[in-house]
C-alpha atoms as a PDB file:
ATOM      1  CA  ASP A   1       0.376 -13.491 -18.671  1.00  0.00           C
ATOM      2  CA  ASP A   2      -1.356 -10.278 -17.539  1.00  0.00           C
ATOM      3  CA  THR A   3       1.258  -9.297 -14.967  1.00  0.00           C
ATOM      4  CA  LYS A   4       2.409  -5.694 -15.280  1.00  0.00           C
ATOM      5  CA  PHE A   5       5.412  -4.210 -13.549  1.00  0.00           C
ATOM      6  CA  ALA A   6       5.432  -0.553 -12.595  1.00  0.00           C
ATOM      7  CA  VAL A   7       7.624   1.809 -10.625  1.00  0.00           C
ATOM      8  CA  SER A   8       6.025   4.284  -8.252  1.00  0.00           C
ATOM      9  CA  VAL A   9       5.489   7.674  -9.819  1.00  0.00           C
ATOM     10  CA  PHE A  10       7.778   9.414  -7.332  1.00  0.00           C
ATOM     11  CA  HIS A  11      10.578   6.893  -7.879  1.00  0.00           C
ATOM     12  CA  ALA A  12      10.141   6.751 -11.672  1.00  0.00           C
ATOM     13  CA  TYR A  13      11.716  10.162 -12.202  1.00  0.00           C
ATOM     14  CA  ALA A  14      15.039   8.841 -10.915  1.00  0.00           C
ATOM     15  CA  HIS A  15      15.168   6.499 -13.906  1.00  0.00           C
ATOM     16  CA  SER A  16      16.053   7.111 -17.545  1.00  0.00           C
ATOM     17  CA  MET A  17      13.365   8.489 -19.847  1.00  0.00           C
ATOM     18  CA  GLN A  18      12.989   5.103 -21.563  1.00  0.00           C
ATOM     19  CA  CYS A  19      12.429   3.387 -18.203  1.00  0.00           C
ATOM     20  CA  GLN A  20       9.952   6.084 -17.143  1.00  0.00           C
ATOM     21  CA  VAL A  21       7.885   5.619 -20.274  1.00  0.00           C
ATOM     22  CA  GLN A  22       7.935   1.827 -19.987  1.00  0.00           C
ATOM     23  CA  TYR A  23       7.287   1.431 -16.231  1.00  0.00           C
ATOM     24  CA  ASN A  24       5.645   4.654 -15.053  1.00  0.00           C
ATOM     25  CA  PRO A  25       2.016   3.857 -14.093  1.00  0.00           C
ATOM     26  CA  ARG A  26       0.879   7.173 -15.567  1.00  0.00           C
ATOM     27  CA  TYR A  27       1.782   5.813 -19.014  1.00  0.00           C
ATOM     28  CA  MET A  28       0.492   2.263 -18.537  1.00  0.00           C
ATOM     29  CA  LYS A  29      -2.975   1.393 -19.792  1.00  0.00           C
ATOM     30  CA  GLY A  30      -5.224  -0.173 -17.154  1.00  0.00           C
ATOM     31  CA  LEU A  31      -3.364   0.952 -14.041  1.00  0.00           C
ATOM     32  CA  GLY A  32      -5.011   3.202 -11.502  1.00  0.00           C
ATOM     33  CA  LEU A  33      -3.231   5.887  -9.544  1.00  0.00           C
ATOM     34  CA  THR A  34      -3.103   6.452  -5.807  1.00  0.00           C
ATOM     35  CA  ASP A  35      -2.153   9.447  -3.744  1.00  0.00           C
ATOM     36  CA  GLY A  36       1.132   7.681  -2.910  1.00  0.00           C
ATOM     37  CA  GLU A  37       0.457   7.709   0.824  1.00  0.00           C
ATOM     38  CA  GLY A  38      -0.486   4.045   1.279  1.00  0.00           C
ATOM     39  CA  MET A  39       2.747   3.029   2.984  1.00  0.00           C
ATOM     40  CA  GLU A  40       2.693   6.147   5.151  1.00  0.00           C
ATOM     41  CA  ARG A  41      -0.769   5.169   6.387  1.00  0.00           C
ATOM     42  CA  LEU A  42       0.496   1.675   7.238  1.00  0.00           C
ATOM     43  CA  TRP A  43       3.576   3.005   9.088  1.00  0.00           C
ATOM     44  CA  SER A  44       1.384   5.440  10.991  1.00  0.00           C
ATOM     45  CA  TYR A  45      -0.966   2.611  12.018  1.00  0.00           C
ATOM     46  CA  LEU A  46       1.973   0.392  13.042  1.00  0.00           C
ATOM     47  CA  SER A  47       3.594   3.158  15.106  1.00  0.00           C
ATOM     48  CA  HIS A  48       1.055   2.476  17.880  1.00  0.00           C
ATOM     49  CA  TYR A  49       2.587  -0.971  18.343  1.00  0.00           C
ATOM     50  CA  VAL A  50       6.215   0.103  18.800  1.00  0.00           C
ATOM     51  CA  THR A  51       6.102   0.590  22.574  1.00  0.00           C
ATOM     52  CA  MET A  52       3.847  -2.401  23.162  1.00  0.00           C
ATOM     53  CA  SER A  53       6.039  -4.795  21.191  1.00  0.00           C
ATOM     54  CA  ARG A  54       9.443  -3.464  22.246  1.00  0.00           C
ATOM     55  CA  GLN A  55       9.907  -5.989  25.080  1.00  0.00           C
ATOM     56  CA  MET A  56       8.465  -8.950  23.161  1.00  0.00           C
ATOM     57  CA  SER A  57      10.535 -11.786  21.814  1.00  0.00           C
ATOM     58  CA  ALA A  58      11.256 -11.554  18.107  1.00  0.00           C
ATOM     59  CA  LYS A  59       8.766 -14.346  17.410  1.00  0.00           C
ATOM     60  CA  ASN A  60       5.951 -12.667  19.365  1.00  0.00           C
ATOM     61  CA  ARG A  61       6.698  -9.283  17.838  1.00  0.00           C
ATOM     62  CA  ILE A  62       6.509 -10.695  14.301  1.00  0.00           C
ATOM     63  CA  LEU A  63       3.280 -12.524  15.154  1.00  0.00           C
ATOM     64  CA  THR A  64       1.749  -9.347  16.615  1.00  0.00           C
ATOM     65  CA  LEU A  65       2.772  -7.271  13.604  1.00  0.00           C
ATOM     66  CA  CYS A  66       1.452  -9.910  11.171  1.00  0.00           C
ATOM     67  CA  HIS A  67      -1.942  -9.920  12.907  1.00  0.00           C
ATOM     68  CA  THR A  68      -1.934  -6.124  12.983  1.00  0.00           C
ATOM     69  CA  ILE A  69      -1.152  -5.836   9.267  1.00  0.00           C
ATOM     70  CA  THR A  70      -3.831  -8.421   8.442  1.00  0.00           C
ATOM     71  CA  HIS A  71      -6.372  -6.403  10.435  1.00  0.00           C
ATOM     72  CA  PHE A  72      -5.244  -3.183   8.723  1.00  0.00           C
ATOM     73  CA  LYS A  73      -5.681  -4.838   5.316  1.00  0.00           C
ATOM     74  CA  LYS A  74      -9.200  -6.025   6.179  1.00  0.00           C
ATOM     75  CA  MET A  75     -10.178  -2.537   7.340  1.00  0.00           C
ATOM     76  CA  ARG A  76      -8.862  -1.000   4.104  1.00  0.00           C
ATOM     77  CA  ILE A  77     -10.784  -3.529   1.981  1.00  0.00           C
ATOM     78  CA  GLU A  78     -13.989  -2.781   3.916  1.00  0.00           C
ATOM     79  CA  ASP A  79     -13.394   0.953   3.484  1.00  0.00           C
ATOM     80  CA  LEU A  80     -12.893   0.435  -0.260  1.00  0.00           C
ATOM     81  CA  GLY A  81     -16.191  -1.446  -0.487  1.00  0.00           C
ATOM     82  CA  LYS A  82     -17.987   1.360   1.337  1.00  0.00           C
ATOM     83  CA  PHE A  83     -16.359   3.967  -0.917  1.00  0.00           C
ATOM     84  CA  ILE A  84     -17.381   2.129  -4.083  1.00  0.00           C
ATOM     85  CA  THR A  85     -20.922   1.644  -2.820  1.00  0.00           C
ATOM     86  CA  ILE A  86     -21.309   5.328  -1.962  1.00  0.00           C
ATOM     87  CA  HIS A  87     -19.608   6.818  -5.034  1.00  0.00           C
ATOM     88  CA  ILE A  88     -20.503   4.352  -7.773  1.00  0.00           C
ATOM     89  CA  TYR A  89     -23.913   2.979  -6.912  1.00  0.00           C
ATOM     90  CA  ASP A  90     -25.568   6.023  -5.336  1.00  0.00           C
END
């Protein structure tokens, strides 16, 4: 099993030293680091849908948000492909 569990770098420092060493991604071989703003980018993107979905039924609001998150994910994957193409292969 190649599954690895990690705690975000910011959150890791709230844990004991042993836990930090074991689960901090900075100490784990094979894990990449991010700027830690991924969720903030998602919340910022979703904020545009608050007013629009406020009067929707719960079912329609969930459906709208699911489609929105799926679209956001696809855009991020496309952006990653463009980034890799530009920075790795050029």
